[in-house]
Protein backbone atom coordinates (compact mmCIF):
# COMPACT_ATOMS: atom_id res chain seq x y z
CA MET A 1 -29.34 -56.64 -59.36
CA LEU A 2 -26.49 -55.37 -61.54
CA LYS A 3 -25.92 -58.86 -62.92
CA ARG A 4 -29.63 -59.18 -63.73
CA LEU A 5 -29.67 -55.77 -65.41
CA GLY A 6 -26.63 -56.73 -67.46
CA THR A 7 -28.35 -59.86 -68.66
CA ILE A 8 -31.46 -57.92 -69.63
CA LEU A 9 -29.41 -55.35 -71.50
CA SER A 10 -27.61 -58.14 -73.32
CA ALA A 11 -30.95 -59.62 -74.35
CA SER A 12 -32.11 -56.22 -75.60
CA ALA A 13 -28.93 -55.78 -77.60
CA LEU A 14 -29.68 -59.02 -79.39
CA ALA A 15 -33.32 -58.12 -79.93
CA VAL A 16 -32.89 -54.57 -81.26
CA PRO A 17 -31.58 -55.54 -84.71
CA LEU A 18 -34.38 -58.07 -85.05
CA ALA A 19 -37.03 -55.48 -84.38
CA PHE A 20 -35.98 -53.29 -87.25
CA GLY A 21 -34.52 -55.52 -89.92
CA PRO A 22 -35.15 -59.01 -91.31
CA ALA A 23 -32.68 -61.65 -92.38
CA ARG A 24 -29.31 -60.54 -90.99
CA ALA A 25 -28.01 -57.91 -88.60
CA ASN A 26 -24.35 -56.97 -88.32
CA GLY A 27 -23.30 -60.13 -90.15
CA THR A 28 -24.98 -62.52 -87.69
CA GLU A 29 -27.99 -64.70 -88.40
CA GLU A 30 -31.29 -63.59 -86.95
CA LEU A 31 -32.28 -65.22 -83.69
CA ALA A 32 -34.73 -68.10 -83.78
CA PRO A 33 -38.06 -67.29 -82.11
CA TYR A 34 -37.49 -69.80 -79.32
CA LYS A 35 -34.28 -68.00 -78.32
CA MET A 36 -36.10 -64.68 -78.12
CA ILE A 37 -38.84 -66.25 -76.02
CA ARG A 38 -36.24 -67.29 -73.46
CA SER A 39 -35.30 -63.64 -73.04
CA LEU A 40 -38.96 -62.67 -72.66
CA GLN A 41 -39.52 -65.33 -70.00
CA TYR A 42 -36.47 -64.15 -68.09
CA VAL A 43 -37.69 -60.55 -68.17
CA GLN A 44 -41.21 -61.49 -67.01
CA ASP A 45 -39.88 -63.61 -64.17
CA SER A 46 -37.60 -60.73 -63.13
CA VAL A 47 -40.61 -58.40 -62.92
CA VAL A 48 -42.58 -60.60 -60.50
CA LEU A 49 -39.43 -61.15 -58.44
CA GLY A 50 -39.19 -57.41 -57.84
CA ASP A 51 -37.25 -55.89 -60.75
CA HIS A 52 -39.98 -53.51 -61.92
CA SER A 53 -37.53 -51.67 -64.13
CA ALA A 54 -37.78 -54.66 -66.49
CA SER A 55 -41.41 -53.83 -67.32
CA GLU A 56 -40.43 -51.57 -70.21
CA MET A 57 -38.14 -54.28 -71.57
CA GLN A 58 -41.06 -56.72 -71.44
CA ARG A 59 -43.13 -54.48 -73.72
CA PHE A 60 -40.19 -54.04 -76.08
CA MET A 61 -39.57 -57.79 -76.25
CA LEU A 62 -43.22 -58.51 -77.06
CA THR A 63 -43.06 -56.07 -79.96
CA ALA A 64 -39.78 -57.49 -81.26
CA ILE A 65 -40.98 -61.10 -81.04
CA ASP A 66 -44.22 -60.22 -82.80
CA GLU A 67 -42.31 -58.81 -85.76
CA ARG A 68 -39.96 -61.79 -85.79
CA LEU A 69 -42.79 -64.33 -85.82
CA ARG A 70 -44.68 -62.54 -88.58
CA ALA A 71 -41.54 -62.36 -90.73
CA ALA A 72 -40.52 -65.98 -90.13
CA ASP A 73 -40.58 -68.44 -93.01
CA PRO A 74 -43.20 -71.20 -92.49
CA SER A 75 -40.39 -73.76 -92.63
CA ALA A 76 -39.05 -72.33 -89.33
CA PHE A 77 -41.97 -73.96 -87.56
CA ARG A 78 -40.84 -77.43 -88.49
CA ASP A 79 -38.76 -76.97 -85.35
CA PRO A 80 -41.18 -77.72 -82.45
CA ARG A 81 -39.31 -75.23 -80.29
CA ASN A 82 -40.42 -72.39 -82.57
CA VAL A 83 -44.02 -73.63 -82.47
CA ASP A 84 -43.85 -73.60 -78.68
CA ALA A 85 -42.34 -70.12 -78.84
CA ALA A 86 -45.30 -68.80 -80.82
CA LEU A 87 -47.76 -70.33 -78.33
CA VAL A 88 -45.84 -69.03 -75.30
CA TYR A 89 -45.69 -65.59 -76.90
CA VAL A 90 -49.46 -65.32 -77.28
CA MET A 91 -50.03 -66.79 -73.78
CA SER A 92 -47.66 -64.16 -72.35
CA GLY A 93 -49.64 -61.13 -73.46
CA GLY A 94 -48.76 -61.18 -77.16
CA ASN A 95 -50.96 -60.26 -80.10
CA PRO A 96 -53.63 -62.96 -80.69
CA ALA A 97 -53.84 -61.96 -84.37
CA THR A 98 -50.27 -63.17 -84.82
CA LEU A 99 -51.24 -66.69 -83.77
CA ASP A 100 -54.17 -66.57 -86.20
CA LEU A 101 -51.75 -65.55 -88.95
CA LEU A 102 -49.28 -68.34 -88.20
CA ALA A 103 -51.98 -71.00 -87.88
CA GLY A 104 -53.50 -69.86 -91.16
CA ARG A 105 -50.16 -70.24 -92.93
CA ASP A 106 -49.55 -73.69 -91.48
CA ILE A 107 -50.12 -76.22 -94.23
CA GLU A 108 -47.79 -78.85 -92.78
CA GLY A 109 -49.69 -79.41 -89.54
CA ASN A 110 -46.96 -78.05 -87.26
CA PHE A 111 -49.49 -76.33 -84.98
CA ASP A 112 -51.94 -78.43 -82.94
CA SER A 113 -55.33 -77.11 -84.02
CA ARG A 114 -56.88 -78.11 -80.69
CA VAL A 115 -54.49 -75.83 -78.81
CA THR A 116 -54.65 -72.92 -81.23
CA GLU A 117 -58.45 -72.99 -81.31
CA ALA A 118 -58.63 -73.18 -77.51
CA LEU A 119 -56.29 -70.20 -77.18
CA ARG A 120 -58.26 -68.26 -79.78
CA GLN A 121 -61.50 -68.71 -77.82
CA TYR A 122 -59.85 -68.03 -74.47
CA LEU A 123 -58.28 -64.79 -75.66
CA ASN A 124 -61.64 -63.73 -77.09
CA GLY A 125 -63.22 -64.03 -73.65
CA LYS A 126 -64.86 -67.44 -74.17
CA GLY A 127 -62.93 -69.34 -71.51
CA PRO A 128 -65.75 -71.68 -70.42
CA LEU A 129 -66.05 -73.01 -73.97
CA ILE A 130 -62.50 -74.41 -73.98
CA ILE A 131 -62.75 -76.52 -70.84
CA GLU A 132 -63.76 -79.78 -72.50
CA SER A 133 -61.32 -79.61 -75.41
CA LEU A 134 -58.35 -78.32 -73.40
CA THR A 135 -58.96 -80.85 -70.62
CA LYS A 136 -58.37 -83.58 -73.20
CA ALA A 137 -55.41 -81.90 -74.93
CA ALA A 138 -53.47 -80.45 -71.98
CA PRO A 139 -52.33 -83.79 -70.47
CA GLU A 140 -50.46 -84.55 -73.70
CA TYR A 141 -48.35 -81.45 -73.05
CA ARG A 142 -47.94 -82.07 -69.31
CA ASN A 143 -44.14 -82.28 -69.47
CA SER A 144 -43.59 -79.97 -72.43
CA ARG A 145 -42.40 -76.36 -72.55
CA ILE A 146 -45.96 -75.06 -72.92
CA GLY A 147 -47.45 -77.38 -70.31
CA PRO A 148 -47.41 -74.91 -67.35
CA TYR A 149 -49.02 -72.22 -69.49
CA LEU A 150 -51.80 -74.52 -70.68
CA PHE A 151 -52.61 -75.68 -67.15
CA LEU A 152 -52.67 -72.09 -65.92
CA ILE A 153 -55.14 -71.15 -68.65
CA LEU A 154 -57.22 -74.26 -68.01
CA GLY A 155 -57.39 -73.30 -64.34
CA ASN A 156 -58.51 -69.79 -65.30
CA ALA A 157 -61.24 -71.14 -67.56
CA MET A 158 -62.48 -73.62 -64.94
CA SER A 159 -62.29 -71.32 -61.89
CA GLN A 160 -65.96 -70.33 -61.94
CA GLN A 161 -67.47 -73.76 -62.58
CA ASP A 162 -65.22 -75.89 -60.38
CA PRO A 163 -62.83 -74.01 -58.07
CA VAL A 164 -61.45 -77.18 -56.49
CA GLU A 165 -60.53 -78.73 -59.83
CA ALA A 166 -59.11 -75.39 -61.00
CA MET A 167 -56.79 -75.37 -57.98
CA LYS A 168 -55.44 -78.76 -59.06
CA HIS A 169 -54.51 -77.30 -62.45
CA TYR A 170 -52.89 -74.31 -60.76
CA ASP A 171 -50.93 -76.68 -58.54
CA TRP A 172 -49.53 -78.50 -61.54
CA ALA A 173 -48.70 -75.24 -63.31
CA ARG A 174 -46.78 -73.77 -60.40
CA LEU A 175 -44.98 -76.98 -59.43
CA THR A 176 -43.65 -77.40 -62.97
CA ALA A 177 -42.59 -73.74 -63.24
CA PRO A 178 -41.18 -72.70 -59.83
CA GLY A 179 -39.88 -69.18 -59.39
CA THR A 180 -41.67 -67.88 -62.48
CA ILE A 181 -44.55 -65.59 -63.33
CA ILE A 182 -46.65 -68.75 -63.76
CA GLU A 183 -46.12 -69.80 -60.15
CA GLU A 184 -46.88 -66.25 -58.98
CA ALA A 185 -50.20 -66.16 -60.86
CA ALA A 186 -51.17 -69.70 -59.82
CA LEU A 187 -50.52 -69.05 -56.11
CA ARG A 188 -52.35 -65.71 -56.13
CA ARG A 189 -55.45 -67.16 -57.75
CA SER A 190 -55.41 -70.27 -55.59
CA VAL A 191 -55.83 -68.06 -52.50
CA SER A 192 -59.00 -66.60 -53.98
CA LEU A 193 -60.42 -69.97 -55.05
CA ALA A 194 -59.69 -71.57 -51.67
CA ALA A 195 -61.61 -68.78 -49.93
CA ARG A 196 -64.52 -69.22 -52.33
CA ALA A 197 -64.55 -73.00 -51.95
CA GLY A 198 -64.57 -72.82 -48.14
CA LEU A 199 -61.08 -74.29 -47.77
CA PRO A 200 -59.34 -71.77 -45.48
CA GLU A 201 -56.44 -74.06 -44.53
CA LYS A 202 -55.45 -74.47 -48.17
CA GLY A 203 -55.95 -70.75 -48.71
CA PHE A 204 -53.63 -69.79 -45.86
CA ARG A 205 -51.04 -72.27 -47.09
CA TYR A 206 -51.11 -70.77 -50.57
CA ALA A 207 -50.93 -67.27 -49.07
CA LEU A 208 -47.90 -68.22 -47.00
CA ASN A 209 -46.09 -69.53 -50.07
CA TYR A 210 -46.93 -66.35 -51.93
CA ALA A 211 -45.75 -64.11 -49.09
CA ARG A 212 -42.42 -65.93 -48.96
CA ARG A 213 -41.70 -65.38 -52.65
CA TYR A 214 -43.69 -62.67 -54.40
CA LEU A 215 -44.48 -59.71 -52.16
CA THR A 216 -42.44 -57.53 -54.52
CA SER A 217 -44.55 -58.54 -57.53
CA PRO A 218 -46.55 -55.78 -59.25
CA TYR A 219 -49.57 -58.06 -58.74
CA ALA A 220 -49.08 -58.13 -54.94
CA SER A 221 -51.94 -55.66 -54.45
CA GLN A 222 -54.31 -58.22 -56.00
CA PHE A 223 -52.95 -60.78 -53.56
CA ALA A 224 -53.64 -58.40 -50.67
CA ASP A 225 -57.26 -58.05 -51.78
CA VAL A 226 -57.95 -61.79 -51.88
CA PHE A 227 -55.98 -62.39 -48.68
CA VAL A 228 -58.13 -59.86 -46.82
CA GLU A 229 -61.28 -61.59 -48.08
CA LEU A 230 -59.90 -64.94 -46.92
CA ALA A 231 -58.99 -63.58 -43.48
CA VAL A 232 -62.36 -61.90 -42.90
CA ALA A 233 -64.46 -64.83 -44.12
CA HIS A 234 -62.57 -67.50 -42.17
CA PHE A 235 -61.14 -65.80 -39.09
CA ASP A 236 -60.87 -67.70 -35.80
CA GLU A 237 -58.21 -68.34 -33.16
CA MET A 238 -56.29 -70.73 -35.40
CA ALA A 239 -56.54 -68.38 -38.38
CA ASP A 240 -55.21 -65.54 -36.23
CA GLY A 241 -51.89 -67.32 -35.93
CA ARG A 242 -51.78 -68.07 -39.65
CA VAL A 243 -52.50 -64.45 -40.53
CA SER A 244 -49.75 -63.24 -38.20
CA GLU A 245 -47.31 -65.72 -39.72
CA ILE A 246 -48.08 -64.58 -43.26
CA LEU A 247 -47.88 -60.90 -42.39
CA SER A 248 -44.51 -61.44 -40.68
CA PHE A 249 -42.95 -61.49 -44.15
CA MET A 250 -44.10 -57.89 -44.70
CA ASP A 251 -42.64 -54.71 -43.32
CA SER A 252 -44.61 -52.75 -40.69
CA ALA A 253 -46.19 -50.39 -43.21
CA ARG A 254 -47.60 -53.26 -45.29
CA GLN A 255 -48.79 -55.13 -42.23
CA ARG A 256 -50.58 -52.01 -41.03
CA GLU A 257 -52.23 -51.56 -44.43
CA VAL A 258 -53.50 -55.15 -44.46
CA TYR A 259 -54.86 -54.89 -40.91
CA LEU A 260 -56.67 -51.68 -41.85
CA ARG A 261 -58.21 -53.45 -44.85
CA VAL A 262 -59.29 -56.33 -42.61
CA ALA A 263 -60.77 -53.89 -40.09
CA ARG A 264 -62.77 -52.13 -42.79
CA ARG A 265 -64.12 -55.35 -44.33
CA ALA A 266 -64.92 -56.80 -40.91
CA ALA A 267 -66.73 -53.63 -39.81
CA ILE A 268 -68.91 -53.70 -42.91
CA ALA A 269 -69.55 -57.43 -42.53
CA GLY A 270 -70.65 -56.92 -38.91
CA ASN A 271 -67.80 -59.01 -37.47
CA GLN A 272 -67.19 -56.81 -34.43
CA PRO A 273 -64.51 -58.92 -32.66
CA LEU A 274 -62.38 -59.10 -35.80
CA ALA A 275 -62.82 -55.40 -36.59
CA ARG A 276 -61.67 -54.48 -33.08
CA LEU A 277 -58.76 -56.91 -33.16
CA ALA A 278 -57.53 -55.74 -36.57
CA SER A 279 -57.92 -52.10 -35.55
CA LYS A 280 -55.84 -52.62 -32.42
CA ARG A 281 -53.15 -54.44 -34.41
CA ALA A 282 -53.04 -51.55 -36.88
CA GLU A 283 -52.72 -49.05 -34.02
CA GLU A 284 -49.86 -51.03 -32.51
CA LEU A 285 -48.03 -50.98 -35.84
CA ALA A 286 -48.64 -47.29 -36.48
CA GLY A 287 -45.69 -46.03 -34.43
CA ASP A 288 -44.75 -42.38 -34.21
CA ASP A 289 -45.18 -41.72 -37.92
CA GLY A 290 -48.55 -43.38 -38.33
CA ALA A 291 -50.95 -40.70 -37.07
CA ARG A 292 -53.38 -41.21 -39.97
CA SER A 293 -53.25 -44.99 -39.55
CA GLN A 294 -54.15 -44.59 -35.88
CA VAL A 295 -57.09 -42.39 -36.82
CA LEU A 296 -58.32 -44.95 -39.37
CA ALA A 297 -57.90 -47.80 -36.88
CA SER A 298 -59.97 -45.90 -34.29
CA PHE A 299 -62.50 -45.08 -36.99
CA TYR A 300 -63.03 -48.71 -38.04
CA GLU A 301 -63.20 -49.81 -34.42
CA GLY A 302 -65.94 -47.22 -33.87
CA LEU A 303 -67.80 -48.49 -36.92
CA ALA A 304 -67.73 -52.00 -35.52
CA ALA A 305 -69.22 -50.78 -32.23
CA VAL A 306 -72.24 -49.06 -33.81
CA PRO A 307 -74.46 -52.19 -33.78
CA SER A 308 -73.40 -53.04 -30.21
CA ALA A 309 -74.87 -52.06 -26.85
CA ASP A 310 -72.27 -49.28 -26.61
CA VAL A 311 -73.76 -47.36 -29.52
CA PHE A 312 -73.63 -43.99 -27.73
CA SER A 313 -69.89 -44.22 -27.10
CA ALA A 314 -69.36 -45.40 -30.67
CA THR A 315 -71.24 -42.38 -32.02
CA GLU A 316 -69.20 -40.01 -29.86
CA ALA A 317 -65.98 -41.64 -31.07
CA LEU A 318 -67.02 -41.22 -34.71
CA ASP A 319 -67.95 -37.57 -34.14
CA ALA A 320 -64.57 -36.91 -32.51
CA ILE A 321 -62.60 -37.87 -35.64
CA PRO A 322 -61.59 -34.75 -37.64
CA GLU A 323 -63.20 -34.77 -41.06
CA GLU A 324 -59.96 -33.78 -42.80
CA LYS A 325 -58.35 -37.00 -41.58
CA LEU A 326 -60.76 -39.10 -43.61
CA SER A 327 -60.98 -39.67 -47.34
CA LEU A 328 -64.20 -38.86 -49.19
CA ARG A 329 -65.20 -42.53 -49.15
CA ASP A 330 -64.51 -42.84 -45.42
CA ARG A 331 -66.54 -39.68 -44.77
CA ALA A 332 -69.45 -41.25 -46.61
CA LEU A 333 -68.91 -44.45 -44.63
CA ARG A 334 -68.98 -42.49 -41.37
CA ASP A 335 -72.16 -40.67 -42.38
CA ALA A 336 -73.82 -44.00 -43.17
CA ALA A 337 -72.72 -45.45 -39.82
CA LYS A 338 -74.04 -42.39 -37.97
CA ALA A 339 -77.35 -42.75 -39.78
CA VAL A 340 -77.59 -46.35 -38.59
CA ALA A 341 -76.69 -45.29 -35.05
CA ASP A 342 -79.34 -42.56 -35.11
CA ALA A 343 -81.92 -45.13 -36.22
CA VAL A 344 -80.92 -47.38 -33.30
CA VAL A 345 -81.40 -44.74 -30.60
CA ARG A 346 -84.36 -42.85 -32.14
CA PRO A 347 -87.63 -43.59 -30.29
CA PRO A 348 -90.40 -44.91 -32.52
CA SER A 349 -92.97 -42.36 -33.68
CA ALA A 350 -96.70 -42.82 -33.89
CA GLU A 351 -96.45 -42.94 -37.68
CA SER A 352 -93.89 -45.72 -37.63
CA LEU A 353 -96.08 -47.76 -35.30
CA ALA A 354 -99.05 -47.38 -37.62
CA GLN A 355 -97.26 -48.11 -40.88
CA ALA A 356 -95.69 -51.29 -42.12
CA PRO A 357 -92.47 -50.73 -44.07
CA ALA A 358 -92.37 -51.08 -47.82
CA PRO A 359 -90.90 -54.31 -49.19
CA ILE A 360 -87.12 -54.35 -49.31
CA ALA A 361 -87.07 -54.64 -53.09
CA GLU A 362 -88.97 -51.33 -53.34
CA ARG A 363 -86.41 -49.53 -51.18
CA ARG A 364 -83.43 -50.53 -53.33
CA PRO A 365 -82.05 -47.43 -55.06
CA ALA A 366 -82.99 -47.08 -58.72
CA GLY A 367 -80.50 -48.71 -61.04
CA GLU A 368 -78.87 -50.82 -58.31
CA GLN A 369 -78.18 -54.38 -59.39
CA SER A 370 -78.93 -57.26 -57.05
CA GLY A 371 -76.62 -59.72 -58.76
CA VAL A 372 -72.90 -60.20 -58.40
CA VAL A 373 -70.48 -57.77 -59.99
CA ALA A 374 -67.88 -58.78 -62.55
CA GLU A 375 -64.30 -58.03 -61.53
CA GLU A 376 -62.08 -56.10 -63.85
CA SER A 377 -59.55 -58.15 -65.69
CA GLY A 378 -55.83 -57.50 -65.65
CA SER A 379 -54.49 -57.04 -69.17
CA GLY A 380 -57.50 -58.54 -70.93
CA ILE A 381 -55.14 -60.80 -72.85
CA SER A 382 -52.36 -62.06 -70.61
CA PRO A 383 -53.31 -65.03 -68.43
CA PHE A 384 -51.15 -63.63 -65.62
CA GLY A 385 -53.35 -60.65 -64.76
CA GLU A 386 -56.57 -61.11 -62.85
CA PRO A 387 -59.05 -62.87 -65.16
CA ALA A 388 -62.47 -61.43 -65.84
CA GLU A 389 -64.82 -63.44 -63.70
CA GLU A 390 -67.74 -63.04 -61.41
CA ALA A 391 -66.66 -61.79 -58.02
CA PRO A 392 -67.50 -63.99 -55.03
CA ASP A 393 -70.26 -62.77 -52.75
CA LYS A 394 -68.76 -60.12 -50.47
CA ARG A 395 -71.18 -60.69 -47.60
CA SER A 396 -69.80 -62.01 -44.37
CA GLU A 397 -70.04 -65.73 -43.77
CA ASP A 398 -69.85 -65.16 -40.02
CA PRO A 399 -72.60 -67.02 -38.12
CA SER A 400 -73.53 -63.76 -36.40
CA ASP A 401 -75.02 -62.61 -39.69
CA ALA A 402 -77.59 -65.41 -39.59
CA GLY A 403 -81.04 -64.10 -38.84
CA THR A 404 -80.52 -60.74 -40.52
CA ASN A 405 -81.14 -61.80 -44.10
CA GLU A 406 -84.08 -60.65 -46.15
CA THR A 407 -86.16 -63.73 -45.35
CA ASP A 408 -85.78 -63.20 -41.62
CA VAL A 409 -86.69 -59.53 -41.91
CA ALA A 410 -89.83 -60.30 -43.87
CA ALA A 411 -90.87 -63.06 -41.48
CA SER A 412 -90.49 -61.22 -38.15
CA GLY A 413 -94.09 -59.94 -38.06
CA ASP A 414 -93.19 -56.82 -36.07
CA PRO A 415 -93.56 -53.70 -38.28
CA VAL A 416 -91.25 -51.60 -36.10
CA LEU A 417 -88.55 -54.25 -36.02
CA ASP A 418 -89.00 -54.88 -39.72
CA GLY A 419 -88.54 -51.21 -40.48
CA PHE A 420 -85.42 -50.90 -38.36
CA LEU A 421 -83.74 -54.01 -39.76
CA ALA A 422 -84.62 -53.06 -43.33
CA SER A 423 -83.22 -49.56 -42.79
CA GLY A 424 -80.01 -51.02 -41.39
CA ARG A 425 -79.64 -53.38 -44.34
CA SER A 426 -80.27 -50.51 -46.76
CA LYS A 427 -77.44 -48.54 -45.14
CA ILE A 428 -75.11 -51.52 -45.32
CA GLU A 429 -75.92 -51.91 -49.04
CA GLU A 430 -75.06 -48.24 -49.53
CA ILE A 431 -71.77 -48.78 -47.72
CA ASP A 432 -70.96 -51.81 -49.88
CA ALA A 433 -71.72 -49.78 -53.00
CA LEU A 434 -69.29 -47.11 -51.84
CA LEU A 435 -66.56 -49.65 -51.34
CA LYS A 436 -66.93 -51.43 -54.69
CA GLY A 437 -64.98 -48.79 -56.57
CA GLU A 438 -62.03 -48.49 -54.20
CA GLY A 439 -58.82 -50.48 -53.91
CA LEU A 440 -59.22 -51.39 -50.24
């Protein structure tokens, strides 16, 4: 760590004069842009490998490089390394306007217009528009310095239309840039795409590689989110072993957190066996100092039991949990679960027997959207943060959910059953809405 810090400080010592004065500093020639980019890459890779103290240096380096590129003479870009430096800078979270400035000054054709135009559209949020042009241009840069960056961006742009092909681009990006922020981003996103494409084995393999290398990354929380989705959507006996293997690289506290996330998602999705299993694993990992974790594990296990034959015991277990032990969102979740349980055990009234329920669409709360929700992006510019894209459907893919969709409810023909199932689905939608805004 001390050696790494010394290297970073050395890089900053070289960059400081450049940030505040052109031409020369202390009698030495100013650094070429490609030399400064090497320092930036080192700092970024240090951050995802766990040296979070380097984050401030990353911001400083981006500012210094921006000033250096804007002050550079156009003849400097006759050196292809400086052209690559400008492209890497903007693909690493730099100012897109700087690339526009440099491309506008280029009268010698040093910048590839196909690449600069693709990056301009991508950074303006028009990723799908670059797929065709960048698919043709990127192979020419396959073994170049900017190759891994271009394939990472191409994978980002293609992830919605063709997840399987996007994973191939991520594979190339990470294999040509091992141990870097590019590999970290490519692995993390590949887990999400594999889950969406119904390829759990690939997803667990990507997750294992990520857990071995990048659990100290500041983006590890995003990895935890997509890993939980993968585990809940594709959990079986074989997946149980894979999940345990991946979590073995985490300390007990992180394992407990992931199991609690799995228990929550599984309880909402109606996957009772998984919710109980994950809750028990979280309880086992709680230890003497995990009182709140034990409460949450018992809480999620109780939620999972609400739709079962043991609904009375589940309701008693939920009532026994002290309210102060739960967050506001979990209190709302408990209230929703109790409402469902009350609907299960409440005898039908004469009015309910005489009335058919209103259509499901009419019972949806005002203003609620039925479509998918767009995920927040990471930086909005850097290709390493989570890209802005449509989130995959959060509903469980478990076969036990079959028969409870809207079509089945409408087609049952029994007004009482229709009303009960519709009420249950309405509560589940409310629960999902509560969970959309939280990190778990």
